[in-house]
């Protein structure tokens, strides 16, 4: 029995809005299917109608909640349940067309798409109808910025601010505020998101990639998702295409608030950001080191070594997961660097996953502060970030998050081993799913997939995808007694 009041009609109302938005994206798959004379057009139309009607009915039944502001507690439930519902509804196109006839596999693929993880159970991607390939790409694009943020962006029409809903969906590690009003922030971020997508599509078209492939890969790149339309991923395309995708992966791994500052002419503020400088430094150092490792030890031509090194560094750090080569055949030193990048993650406020660069920067500053306190115990030592003194409580939360993240990673790896997976696969699968990367190590590397894993392992990994996408706290907190009793 709940000790706190939960507004279930309001929760259902917001979920109904999510379903309606999702159905709109489904409609585009119907159009593509009809254009290509696919036999599954009717079934996709049925999936669209089913999702739209279900969402509208739920919306009408809860229309009295339309102008009410959700509490922080209700917002957490909306966000967590919203991602699960999106994943469940996202299985419908796969199941109804029998592109992925097994529910467990369809649910894994759907959650992987919406959380922008990019891990797949598909062995022959190119055998799928174009409409289904588009749906895979769309799940990335919807989940990249977060459909919850999209809902917040349109909340002015509902006379709702949505600050709690927004903060539950997005990373709380980012300091920058683009706008005082949270809904304006959401709309600004979505405009940047759309702008990057369109720009990449144009550049990919210039490289003679087809319109269909350009759209799908732009959706996956800007969302840092990693679903490709080709079995060979980005290795199937020219060096020009690889460089374009590499650049947009890097841009998408940057805090989107900094993109807004740049567009508003405040470039200096953007480049003074400590996280951005650290993020770019990591890419540069890791890319150069791996380049010379491949060039000197594997006799790989320098341009190819440079391109493959930087592509995989950016792909792993931003948690996109695209591949141009099998990094598991690289020298051990290079693989170790890839593993470290997998644990670092992209920037806070980006579409990328992982622990995030900002948290590691602050953790390192905390370590330095501890050393200074040992050497000079009577002096006052503070931690500054972007020239601002950080509150001790905030720093403590950062350290707690990092410890919690790695603790869950260790426990998850142990559980995967207990389920019968080898150590390398277990660690790689949990690490890549929590960080939303896609490929891992062992039998789930860049040239493999997750199909062979036991169903229990797949459901466990979908759980890690969701908690990783929601930055741990928003999902884990609902399992605590305090959440339901305080």
Protein backbone atom coordinates (compact mmCIF):
# COMPACT_ATOMS: atom_id res chain seq x y z
CA UNK A 1 0.00 0.00 0.00
CA UNK A 2 1.43 3.39 -1.04
CA UNK A 3 2.05 5.96 1.69
CA UNK A 4 2.46 8.70 -0.88
CA UNK A 5 -0.02 9.93 -3.41
CA UNK A 6 0.86 8.97 -6.96
CA UNK A 7 -1.16 10.62 -9.71
CA UNK A 8 -1.60 7.58 -11.95
CA UNK A 9 -4.05 9.28 -14.38
CA UNK A 10 -1.44 11.98 -14.99
CA UNK A 11 1.27 9.38 -15.55
CA UNK A 12 -0.95 7.60 -18.06
CA UNK A 13 -1.69 10.93 -19.75
CA UNK A 14 1.97 11.67 -20.42
CA UNK A 15 2.58 8.12 -21.61
CA UNK A 16 -0.32 8.54 -24.03
CA UNK A 17 1.44 11.60 -25.49
CA UNK A 18 4.61 9.55 -25.93
CA UNK A 19 2.64 6.84 -27.74
CA UNK A 20 1.09 9.37 -30.12
CA UNK A 21 4.52 10.80 -30.96
CA UNK A 22 5.85 7.29 -31.51
CA UNK A 23 2.98 6.48 -33.87
CA UNK A 24 3.84 9.54 -35.99
CA UNK A 25 7.29 8.12 -36.60
CA UNK A 26 5.73 4.75 -37.43
CA UNK A 27 3.73 6.43 -40.19
CA UNK A 28 6.95 7.27 -42.04
CA UNK A 29 7.79 3.57 -42.18
CA UNK A 30 4.41 2.93 -43.82
CA UNK A 31 5.19 5.56 -46.47
CA UNK A 32 8.65 4.08 -47.16
CA UNK A 33 7.20 0.57 -47.32
CA UNK A 34 4.50 1.64 -49.79
CA UNK A 35 7.04 3.51 -51.94
CA UNK A 36 9.20 0.38 -52.16
CA UNK A 37 6.19 -1.90 -52.80
CA UNK A 38 6.97 -4.02 -49.74
CA UNK A 39 4.54 -6.77 -48.80
CA UNK A 40 4.52 -5.64 -45.17
CA UNK A 41 2.95 -2.22 -45.87
CA UNK A 42 -0.48 -3.26 -44.59
CA UNK A 43 0.93 -4.72 -41.40
CA UNK A 44 2.99 -1.60 -40.71
CA UNK A 45 -0.11 0.51 -41.25
CA UNK A 46 -1.85 -1.70 -38.68
CA UNK A 47 1.00 -1.07 -36.23
CA UNK A 48 0.63 2.67 -36.79
CA UNK A 49 -3.15 2.60 -36.26
CA UNK A 50 -2.84 0.40 -33.17
CA UNK A 51 -0.30 2.72 -31.53
CA UNK A 52 -2.09 5.94 -32.53
CA UNK A 53 -5.56 4.81 -31.45
CA UNK A 54 -4.26 3.36 -28.16
CA UNK A 55 -2.48 6.61 -27.38
CA UNK A 56 -5.48 8.76 -28.29
CA UNK A 57 -7.87 6.66 -26.20
CA UNK A 58 -5.61 6.88 -23.15
CA UNK A 59 -5.22 10.61 -23.78
CA UNK A 60 -8.97 11.21 -23.95
CA UNK A 61 -9.59 9.14 -20.82
CA UNK A 62 -7.12 11.29 -18.89
CA UNK A 63 -7.75 14.66 -20.53
CA UNK A 64 -8.57 16.22 -17.15
CA UNK A 65 -4.82 15.94 -16.39
CA UNK A 66 -3.85 18.00 -19.44
CA UNK A 67 -2.93 21.24 -17.65
CA UNK A 68 -1.49 19.82 -14.44
CA UNK A 69 2.20 20.03 -13.58
CA UNK A 70 3.71 16.65 -12.59
CA UNK A 71 5.55 16.42 -9.27
CA UNK A 72 9.16 15.27 -9.11
CA UNK A 73 8.06 11.83 -7.93
CA UNK A 74 5.50 11.45 -10.72
CA UNK A 75 8.06 12.71 -13.25
CA UNK A 76 10.51 9.97 -12.29
CA UNK A 77 7.79 7.36 -12.79
CA UNK A 78 6.77 8.94 -16.11
CA UNK A 79 10.34 8.87 -17.43
CA UNK A 80 11.14 5.33 -16.28
CA UNK A 81 7.82 3.86 -17.37
CA UNK A 82 7.92 5.94 -20.54
CA UNK A 83 11.15 4.26 -21.73
CA UNK A 84 9.74 0.80 -21.00
CA UNK A 85 6.50 1.59 -22.85
CA UNK A 86 8.47 3.02 -25.79
CA UNK A 87 10.46 -0.20 -25.91
CA UNK A 88 7.36 -2.39 -25.78
CA UNK A 89 5.52 -0.38 -28.44
CA UNK A 90 8.70 -0.35 -30.51
CA UNK A 91 8.54 -4.14 -30.80
CA UNK A 92 5.25 -3.98 -32.72
CA UNK A 93 6.76 -3.21 -36.18
CA UNK A 94 9.31 -6.00 -35.70
CA UNK A 95 6.81 -8.58 -34.50
CA UNK A 96 3.91 -7.74 -36.80
CA UNK A 97 6.12 -7.92 -39.89
CA UNK A 98 8.03 -10.94 -38.52
CA UNK A 99 11.29 -9.14 -39.21
CA UNK A 100 12.14 -10.21 -35.67
CA UNK A 101 9.52 -12.82 -34.78
CA UNK A 102 10.80 -13.58 -31.27
CA UNK A 103 9.55 -11.16 -28.57
CA UNK A 104 12.72 -11.28 -26.47
CA UNK A 105 14.87 -10.41 -29.47
CA UNK A 106 12.43 -7.74 -30.66
CA UNK A 107 12.33 -6.15 -27.19
CA UNK A 108 16.14 -6.22 -26.98
CA UNK A 109 16.45 -4.56 -30.41
CA UNK A 110 13.78 -1.99 -29.56
CA UNK A 111 15.24 -1.00 -26.18
CA UNK A 112 18.71 -0.94 -27.73
CA UNK A 113 17.40 1.48 -30.34
CA UNK A 114 15.55 3.87 -28.04
CA UNK A 115 18.37 3.95 -25.49
CA UNK A 116 20.77 4.55 -28.42
CA UNK A 117 22.85 1.57 -27.32
CA UNK A 118 23.14 0.07 -30.78
CA UNK A 119 23.65 -3.53 -29.63
CA UNK A 120 21.85 -5.82 -32.04
CA UNK A 121 20.62 -9.38 -32.34
CA UNK A 122 20.46 -9.19 -36.15
CA UNK A 123 22.88 -11.29 -38.19
CA UNK A 124 21.89 -10.10 -41.67
CA UNK A 125 20.85 -6.45 -41.47
CA UNK A 126 20.74 -5.96 -45.22
CA UNK A 127 18.06 -8.66 -45.56
CA UNK A 128 15.55 -6.48 -43.71
CA UNK A 129 12.99 -4.35 -45.60
CA UNK A 130 13.92 -0.67 -45.88
CA UNK A 131 10.91 0.29 -43.78
CA UNK A 132 12.22 -1.76 -40.85
CA UNK A 133 15.72 -0.37 -41.30
CA UNK A 134 14.20 3.10 -41.13
CA UNK A 135 12.31 2.16 -37.96
CA UNK A 136 15.57 1.02 -36.35
CA UNK A 137 17.13 4.37 -37.22
CA UNK A 138 14.10 6.29 -35.98
CA UNK A 139 14.20 4.56 -32.59
CA UNK A 140 17.71 5.97 -32.25
CA UNK A 141 16.68 9.46 -33.27
CA UNK A 142 13.67 9.49 -30.94
CA UNK A 143 15.73 8.26 -28.02
CA UNK A 144 18.81 10.35 -28.74
CA UNK A 145 17.62 13.62 -27.33
CA UNK A 146 14.85 11.88 -25.45
CA UNK A 147 11.22 11.92 -26.41
CA UNK A 148 10.54 13.15 -22.88
CA UNK A 149 12.43 16.34 -23.75
CA UNK A 150 10.33 16.57 -26.91
CA UNK A 151 7.21 16.39 -24.75
CA UNK A 152 8.61 19.19 -22.59
CA UNK A 153 9.28 21.24 -25.73
CA UNK A 154 5.59 21.21 -26.65
CA UNK A 155 4.34 21.71 -23.09
CA UNK A 156 3.70 25.44 -23.61
CA UNK A 157 0.66 24.35 -25.61
CA UNK A 158 -0.48 22.47 -22.51
CA UNK A 159 0.36 25.37 -20.16
CA UNK A 160 2.87 23.17 -18.34
CA UNK A 161 6.44 24.11 -17.40
CA UNK A 162 7.77 20.55 -17.08
CA UNK A 163 10.95 21.30 -15.13
CA UNK A 164 10.76 18.13 -13.04
CA UNK A 165 10.09 15.98 -16.07
CA UNK A 166 13.06 17.54 -17.90
CA UNK A 167 15.47 17.11 -14.99
CA UNK A 168 14.46 13.48 -14.57
CA UNK A 169 15.21 12.76 -18.23
CA UNK A 170 18.47 14.65 -18.68
CA UNK A 171 21.86 14.48 -17.04
CA UNK A 172 22.15 16.62 -13.92
CA UNK A 173 25.91 16.88 -14.29
CA UNK A 174 25.77 19.75 -16.80
CA UNK A 175 26.21 23.21 -15.27
CA UNK A 176 25.28 25.39 -18.23
CA UNK A 177 21.76 26.77 -18.55
CA UNK A 178 20.72 27.85 -22.00
CA UNK A 179 17.50 29.48 -20.92
CA UNK A 180 15.79 30.39 -17.69
CA UNK A 181 12.63 28.68 -18.83
CA UNK A 182 13.16 24.97 -19.12
CA UNK A 183 10.78 24.48 -22.04
CA UNK A 184 12.74 27.02 -24.10
CA UNK A 185 15.88 25.07 -23.29
CA UNK A 186 14.30 21.86 -24.56
CA UNK A 187 13.18 23.52 -27.77
CA UNK A 188 16.64 25.06 -28.33
CA UNK A 189 18.31 21.70 -27.88
CA UNK A 190 15.90 20.05 -30.30
CA UNK A 191 16.55 22.74 -32.92
CA UNK A 192 20.29 22.03 -32.66
CA UNK A 193 19.55 18.30 -32.82
CA UNK A 194 17.50 18.70 -35.99
CA UNK A 195 20.05 21.08 -37.48
CA UNK A 196 22.93 18.65 -37.00
CA UNK A 197 20.85 15.87 -38.52
CA UNK A 198 20.00 17.86 -41.64
CA UNK A 199 23.60 19.05 -42.06
CA UNK A 200 24.92 15.50 -41.89
CA UNK A 201 22.35 14.22 -44.38
CA UNK A 202 23.47 16.89 -46.87
CA UNK A 203 27.16 16.07 -46.45
CA UNK A 204 26.52 12.35 -46.78
CA UNK A 205 24.56 12.97 -49.98
CA UNK A 206 27.53 14.94 -51.33
CA UNK A 207 29.60 11.80 -50.70
CA UNK A 208 27.21 9.88 -52.99
CA UNK A 209 25.49 7.97 -50.22
CA UNK A 210 21.85 7.27 -51.08
CA UNK A 211 19.15 9.44 -49.53
CA UNK A 212 17.80 6.48 -47.56
CA UNK A 213 21.20 5.49 -46.15
CA UNK A 214 22.01 9.15 -45.47
CA UNK A 215 18.88 9.64 -43.38
CA UNK A 216 19.35 6.38 -41.46
CA UNK A 217 23.01 7.04 -40.70
CA UNK A 218 22.41 10.68 -39.79
CA UNK A 219 19.69 9.59 -37.36
CA UNK A 220 22.05 7.03 -35.83
CA UNK A 221 25.06 9.37 -35.74
CA UNK A 222 23.51 12.45 -34.16
CA UNK A 223 21.73 10.22 -31.64
CA UNK A 224 25.06 8.39 -31.04
CA UNK A 225 23.15 5.17 -31.63
CA UNK A 226 25.14 3.02 -34.04
CA UNK A 227 22.51 1.08 -36.02
CA UNK A 228 23.72 0.90 -39.62
CA UNK A 229 21.91 -0.28 -42.74
CA UNK A 230 24.92 -2.40 -43.72
CA UNK A 231 26.31 -5.60 -42.26
CA UNK A 232 29.82 -4.13 -42.43
CA UNK A 233 28.65 -0.95 -40.66
CA UNK A 234 30.56 2.16 -41.81
CA UNK A 235 33.35 0.05 -43.29
CA UNK A 236 31.00 -0.44 -46.24
CA UNK A 237 31.41 3.21 -47.23
CA UNK A 238 34.15 5.47 -48.60
CA UNK A 239 36.79 7.26 -46.48
CA UNK A 240 34.95 10.54 -47.12
CA UNK A 241 31.76 9.11 -45.59
CA UNK A 242 33.76 7.79 -42.64
CA UNK A 243 35.29 11.21 -41.98
CA UNK A 244 31.89 12.92 -42.16
CA UNK A 245 30.35 10.47 -39.71
CA UNK A 246 33.42 10.76 -37.47
CA UNK A 247 33.04 14.54 -37.28
CA UNK A 248 29.33 14.39 -36.51
CA UNK A 249 29.85 11.70 -33.87
CA UNK A 250 32.34 14.05 -32.20
CA UNK A 251 29.91 16.99 -32.44
CA UNK A 252 27.09 14.89 -30.99
CA UNK A 253 29.26 13.92 -28.03
CA UNK A 254 29.55 17.58 -27.01
CA UNK A 255 27.16 19.19 -24.54
CA UNK A 256 24.35 20.48 -26.77
CA UNK A 257 24.11 23.62 -24.64
CA UNK A 258 27.55 24.57 -25.95
CA UNK A 259 26.25 24.23 -29.52
CA UNK A 260 23.51 26.69 -28.63
CA UNK A 261 26.05 29.12 -27.14
CA UNK A 262 28.14 28.85 -30.30
CA UNK A 263 25.15 29.54 -32.55
CA UNK A 264 24.33 32.59 -30.44
CA UNK A 265 27.86 33.90 -31.05
CA UNK A 266 29.24 33.07 -27.62
CA UNK A 267 32.05 30.90 -28.99
CA UNK A 268 34.59 31.93 -26.37
CA UNK A 269 32.36 30.70 -23.55
CA UNK A 270 31.95 27.37 -25.26
CA UNK A 271 35.67 26.79 -25.73
CA UNK A 272 36.47 27.87 -22.17
CA UNK A 273 34.37 24.96 -20.94
CA UNK A 274 36.60 22.52 -19.05
CA UNK A 275 34.66 19.44 -20.06
CA UNK A 276 34.87 20.34 -23.75
CA UNK A 277 38.63 20.87 -23.54
CA UNK A 278 39.05 17.56 -21.71
CA UNK A 279 36.78 15.76 -24.18
CA UNK A 280 38.74 17.02 -27.20
CA UNK A 281 42.05 16.26 -25.47
CA UNK A 282 41.01 12.66 -24.84
CA UNK A 283 40.08 12.21 -28.50
CA UNK A 284 43.35 13.75 -29.68
CA UNK A 285 45.64 11.83 -27.33
CA UNK A 286 43.91 8.44 -27.71
CA UNK A 287 43.62 8.86 -31.47
CA UNK A 288 47.29 9.78 -31.94
CA UNK A 289 48.55 6.98 -29.68
CA UNK A 290 46.50 4.27 -31.42
CA UNK A 291 47.42 5.66 -34.83
CA UNK A 292 51.12 5.19 -34.13
CA UNK A 293 50.53 1.79 -32.52
CA UNK A 294 48.84 0.56 -35.71
CA UNK A 295 51.28 2.33 -38.01
CA UNK A 296 54.43 1.12 -36.27
CA UNK A 297 53.42 -2.38 -35.14
CA UNK A 298 50.88 -3.47 -37.77
CA UNK A 299 52.40 -1.72 -40.79
CA UNK A 300 49.02 -0.15 -41.56
CA UNK A 301 49.29 2.76 -44.06
CA UNK A 302 49.37 6.02 -42.11
CA UNK A 303 46.12 7.54 -43.49
CA UNK A 304 44.21 4.34 -42.86
CA UNK A 305 45.73 3.98 -39.38
CA UNK A 306 44.79 7.60 -38.64
CA UNK A 307 41.25 7.20 -39.95
CA UNK A 308 40.49 3.89 -38.27
CA UNK A 309 42.06 4.97 -34.98
CA UNK A 310 40.25 8.27 -34.68
CA UNK A 311 37.00 6.80 -35.96
CA UNK A 312 36.95 4.06 -33.31
CA UNK A 313 38.13 6.43 -30.57
CA UNK A 314 35.31 8.88 -31.32
CA UNK A 315 32.79 6.07 -31.83
CA UNK A 316 33.55 4.43 -28.48
CA UNK A 317 33.99 7.63 -26.45
CA UNK A 318 30.71 9.08 -27.71
CA UNK A 319 29.01 5.68 -27.25
CA UNK A 320 27.91 5.62 -30.90
CA UNK A 321 29.25 2.17 -31.67
CA UNK A 322 29.79 2.44 -35.41
CA UNK A 323 32.72 0.39 -36.67
CA UNK A 324 35.13 0.59 -39.58
CA UNK A 325 37.34 -2.23 -38.33
CA UNK A 326 37.49 -5.00 -35.73
CA UNK A 327 39.37 -3.38 -32.86
CA UNK A 328 39.64 -6.76 -31.10
CA UNK A 329 42.43 -7.73 -33.53
CA UNK A 330 44.43 -4.62 -32.58
CA UNK A 331 47.49 -4.86 -30.28
CA UNK A 332 46.70 -5.26 -26.58
CA UNK A 333 47.73 -1.66 -25.81
CA UNK A 334 45.20 -0.30 -28.29
CA UNK A 335 42.43 -2.57 -26.97
CA UNK A 336 43.18 -1.37 -23.45
CA UNK A 337 42.74 2.24 -24.56
CA UNK A 338 39.40 1.33 -26.15
CA UNK A 339 38.30 -0.29 -22.87
CA UNK A 340 39.21 2.86 -20.93
CA UNK A 341 37.32 5.06 -23.38
CA UNK A 342 34.30 2.80 -22.96
CA UNK A 343 34.28 3.63 -19.25
CA UNK A 344 34.80 7.38 -19.69
CA UNK A 345 31.83 8.29 -21.87
CA UNK A 346 30.86 11.46 -23.71
CA UNK A 347 30.00 14.93 -22.40
CA UNK A 348 27.12 15.65 -20.08
CA UNK A 349 24.20 17.20 -21.94
CA UNK A 350 25.04 15.28 -25.12
CA UNK A 351 23.32 12.31 -26.71
CA UNK A 352 26.31 10.14 -25.72
CA UNK A 353 26.35 7.70 -22.83
CA UNK A 354 28.78 6.50 -20.19
CA UNK A 355 29.89 8.01 -16.89
CA UNK A 356 30.58 11.32 -18.70
CA UNK A 357 33.79 13.33 -18.99
CA UNK A 358 32.68 15.99 -16.49
CA UNK A 359 32.39 13.46 -13.67
CA UNK A 360 35.88 12.15 -14.29
CA UNK A 361 37.26 15.69 -14.43
CA UNK A 362 35.68 16.55 -11.08
CA UNK A 363 36.77 13.20 -9.58
CA UNK A 364 40.38 13.94 -10.56
CA UNK A 365 40.08 17.42 -9.02
CA UNK A 366 38.79 15.79 -5.83
CA UNK A 367 41.80 13.47 -5.71
CA UNK A 368 44.14 16.44 -6.15
CA UNK A 369 42.30 18.29 -3.39
CA UNK A 370 42.75 15.31 -1.05
CA UNK A 371 46.51 15.28 -1.68
CA UNK A 372 46.73 19.03 -1.04
CA UNK A 373 44.82 18.63 2.23
CA UNK A 374 47.33 15.99 3.35
CA UNK A 375 50.29 18.21 2.49
CA UNK A 376 48.75 21.47 3.79
CA UNK A 377 46.04 20.52 6.30
CA UNK A 378 45.59 24.08 7.60
CA UNK A 379 45.02 25.64 4.18
CA UNK A 380 41.59 26.01 2.56
CA UNK A 381 41.33 23.98 -0.62
CA UNK A 382 38.34 24.26 -2.95
CA UNK A 383 37.40 22.57 -6.19
CA UNK A 384 36.74 24.84 -9.13
CA UNK A 385 34.99 23.94 -12.35
CA UNK A 386 34.74 26.57 -15.10
CA UNK A 387 36.02 29.09 -12.54
CA UNK A 388 33.13 28.34 -10.19
CA UNK A 389 33.65 26.87 -6.72
CA UNK A 390 31.80 23.56 -6.46
CA UNK A 391 29.74 22.77 -3.42
CA UNK A 392 31.07 19.84 -1.39
CA UNK A 393 27.69 18.13 -1.55
CA UNK A 394 27.69 18.32 -5.34
CA UNK A 395 31.20 16.83 -5.51
CA UNK A 396 30.14 14.08 -3.12
CA UNK A 397 27.23 13.20 -5.42
CA UNK A 398 29.61 12.96 -8.38
CA UNK A 399 31.92 10.58 -6.51
CA UNK A 400 28.93 8.56 -5.31
CA UNK A 401 27.63 8.27 -8.87
CA UNK A 402 30.98 7.00 -10.18
CA UNK A 403 31.25 4.43 -7.37
CA UNK A 404 27.65 3.32 -7.95
CA UNK A 405 28.22 3.04 -11.70
CA UNK A 406 31.29 0.85 -11.37
CA UNK A 407 29.69 -1.21 -8.59
CA UNK A 408 26.72 -2.00 -10.81
CA UNK A 409 29.14 -2.80 -13.65
CA UNK A 410 31.00 -5.29 -11.45
CA UNK A 411 27.83 -6.90 -10.09
CA UNK A 412 26.34 -7.09 -13.57
CA UNK A 413 29.47 -8.76 -14.91
CA UNK A 414 29.33 -11.35 -12.12
CA UNK A 415 25.66 -12.08 -12.82
CA UNK A 416 26.40 -12.50 -16.54
CA UNK A 417 29.15 -14.98 -15.69
CA UNK A 418 26.75 -16.88 -13.42
CA UNK A 419 24.33 -17.04 -16.36
CA UNK A 420 26.99 -18.97 -18.30
CA UNK A 421 28.82 -16.28 -20.28
CA UNK A 422 32.62 -16.05 -20.40
CA UNK A 423 34.38 -13.26 -18.47
CA UNK A 424 35.35 -11.13 -21.47
CA UNK A 425 31.87 -11.28 -22.99
CA UNK A 426 30.22 -10.62 -19.62
CA UNK A 427 32.26 -7.50 -18.90
CA UNK A 428 32.05 -6.25 -22.48
CA UNK A 429 28.29 -6.77 -22.71
CA UNK A 430 27.48 -5.03 -19.42
CA UNK A 431 29.94 -2.18 -20.02
CA UNK A 432 28.68 -1.50 -23.54
CA UNK A 433 24.99 -1.68 -22.55
CA UNK A 434 25.35 0.58 -19.53
CA UNK A 435 27.32 3.12 -21.55
CA UNK A 436 25.04 2.76 -24.59
CA UNK A 437 27.90 1.94 -26.94
CA UNK A 438 26.86 -1.16 -28.91
CA UNK A 439 29.81 -3.47 -29.52
CA UNK A 440 31.77 -4.86 -26.59
CA UNK A 441 34.38 -7.54 -26.08
CA UNK A 442 34.51 -11.31 -26.36
CA UNK A 443 31.67 -12.78 -28.39
CA UNK A 444 29.84 -9.43 -28.61
CA UNK A 445 32.61 -7.51 -30.37
CA UNK A 446 32.25 -5.17 -33.36
CA UNK A 447 31.92 -8.01 -35.91
CA UNK A 448 29.53 -10.06 -33.74
CA UNK A 449 26.05 -9.58 -32.28
CA UNK A 450 24.01 -10.48 -29.20
CA UNK A 451 21.74 -13.10 -30.78
CA UNK A 452 23.57 -16.08 -29.27
CA UNK A 453 23.09 -14.90 -25.69
CA UNK A 454 20.56 -16.64 -23.46
CA UNK A 455 17.19 -14.87 -23.02
CA UNK A 456 17.95 -14.19 -19.35
CA UNK A 457 21.17 -12.42 -20.39
CA UNK A 458 19.29 -10.33 -22.95
CA UNK A 459 16.69 -9.16 -20.43
CA UNK A 460 19.42 -8.34 -17.94
CA UNK A 461 21.25 -6.30 -20.56
CA UNK A 462 18.07 -4.41 -21.52
CA UNK A 463 17.81 -3.46 -17.85
CA UNK A 464 21.36 -2.09 -17.96
CA UNK A 465 20.54 -0.18 -21.16
CA UNK A 466 17.66 1.62 -19.46
CA UNK A 467 19.42 2.47 -16.20
CA UNK A 468 22.45 3.66 -18.15
CA UNK A 469 20.29 5.86 -20.39
CA UNK A 470 18.56 7.36 -17.35
CA UNK A 471 21.83 8.03 -15.48
CA UNK A 472 21.19 5.34 -12.82
CA UNK A 473 19.40 7.40 -10.17
CA UNK A 474 16.09 8.03 -11.94
CA UNK A 475 15.52 4.31 -12.45
CA UNK A 476 17.10 2.82 -9.33
CA UNK A 477 15.37 5.22 -6.94
CA UNK A 478 11.93 3.79 -7.74
CA UNK A 479 13.04 0.48 -6.20
CA UNK A 480 13.80 2.11 -2.84
CA UNK A 481 11.43 2.12 0.12
CA UNK A 482 12.03 5.84 0.63
CA UNK A 483 10.60 6.69 -2.79
CA UNK A 484 7.27 5.06 -1.96
CA UNK A 485 7.02 5.99 1.73
CA UNK A 486 8.54 9.46 2.18
